[in-house]
Protein backbone atom coordinates (compact mmCIF):
# COMPACT_ATOMS: atom_id res chain seq x y z
CA UNK A 1 12.27 272.11 79.38
CA UNK A 2 15.19 270.85 77.36
CA UNK A 3 16.14 268.42 80.13
CA UNK A 4 12.54 267.12 80.25
CA UNK A 5 12.71 266.56 76.45
CA UNK A 6 16.00 264.79 76.89
CA UNK A 7 14.48 262.43 79.44
CA UNK A 8 11.39 261.80 77.27
CA UNK A 9 13.61 260.88 74.27
CA UNK A 10 15.96 258.65 76.29
CA UNK A 11 16.06 254.90 76.15
CA UNK A 12 14.13 253.67 79.27
CA UNK A 13 17.01 251.24 80.00
CA UNK A 14 19.31 254.30 80.52
CA UNK A 15 17.04 256.02 83.08
CA UNK A 16 17.01 255.34 86.74
CA UNK A 17 14.01 253.20 87.93
CA UNK A 18 11.46 255.37 89.67
CA UNK A 19 9.09 254.20 92.43
CA UNK A 20 5.66 255.68 92.80
CA UNK A 21 6.36 255.94 96.54
CA UNK A 22 6.83 259.43 97.92
CA UNK A 23 10.22 260.33 99.45
CA UNK A 24 9.30 260.08 103.12
CA UNK A 25 11.23 258.37 105.93
CA UNK A 26 14.27 256.20 105.74
CA UNK A 27 14.95 253.87 102.84
CA UNK A 28 14.79 250.16 103.28
CA UNK A 29 18.13 248.62 104.01
CA UNK A 30 17.09 245.11 102.92
CA UNK A 31 19.74 243.48 100.63
CA UNK A 32 17.33 243.31 97.64
CA UNK A 33 16.66 247.12 97.86
CA UNK A 34 20.33 247.91 98.13
CA UNK A 35 21.16 245.88 95.05
CA UNK A 36 18.37 247.53 93.05
CA UNK A 37 18.13 251.07 94.18
CA UNK A 38 15.23 253.24 92.94
CA UNK A 39 14.49 256.95 92.93
CA UNK A 40 11.44 257.99 94.99
CA UNK A 41 9.14 260.84 93.99
CA UNK A 42 9.83 264.13 95.74
CA UNK A 43 6.97 265.07 98.20
CA UNK A 44 6.42 268.46 96.56
CA UNK A 45 6.69 267.27 92.93
CA UNK A 46 5.19 269.95 90.76
CA UNK A 47 5.64 272.84 93.23
CA UNK A 48 7.09 276.05 92.12
CA UNK A 49 10.94 276.32 92.35
CA UNK A 50 12.36 279.76 93.20
CA UNK A 51 16.02 279.94 92.03
CA UNK A 52 17.92 282.05 94.64
CA UNK A 53 21.62 281.56 94.00
CA UNK A 54 24.13 279.41 92.04
CA UNK A 55 26.33 277.72 94.58
CA UNK A 56 28.76 275.83 92.40
CA UNK A 57 29.51 272.81 90.30
CA UNK A 58 31.50 269.67 90.29
CA UNK A 59 32.18 266.65 88.15
CA UNK A 60 28.65 265.22 88.80
CA UNK A 61 26.53 268.30 88.32
CA UNK A 62 25.44 271.87 89.37
CA UNK A 63 24.24 273.06 92.73
CA UNK A 64 21.79 275.90 93.30
CA UNK A 65 20.18 277.48 96.39
CA UNK A 66 16.39 277.29 95.84
CA UNK A 67 13.04 277.32 97.68
CA UNK A 68 10.46 274.75 96.68
CA UNK A 69 6.78 275.57 97.19
CA UNK A 70 7.67 278.53 99.39
CA UNK A 71 9.56 276.41 101.95
CA UNK A 72 12.89 276.98 103.57
CA UNK A 73 15.97 277.35 101.30
CA UNK A 74 17.57 274.13 100.24
CA UNK A 75 20.43 273.05 98.01
CA UNK A 76 19.29 271.47 94.70
CA UNK A 77 21.76 269.42 92.76
CA UNK A 78 21.18 268.90 89.08
CA UNK A 79 23.10 265.81 88.06
CA UNK A 80 24.84 265.57 84.64
CA UNK A 81 23.64 262.75 82.44
């Protein structure tokens, strides 16, 4: 929960703008949306994450193999702030 605390204590101007829209379908390619990108909410927000394997890291963050809500394994990237 340390990362959650970090986000809660961050200046809102430093955080990415988040839409209430769920992450479904393709993003809009309208010029106004490309100039002001926003993060959409993950469809299974709040679902249990099962951590399966550490896959690696790079300059922008860490990557893990996980299952979310009992679904198929996916790669989850945790970006560095």
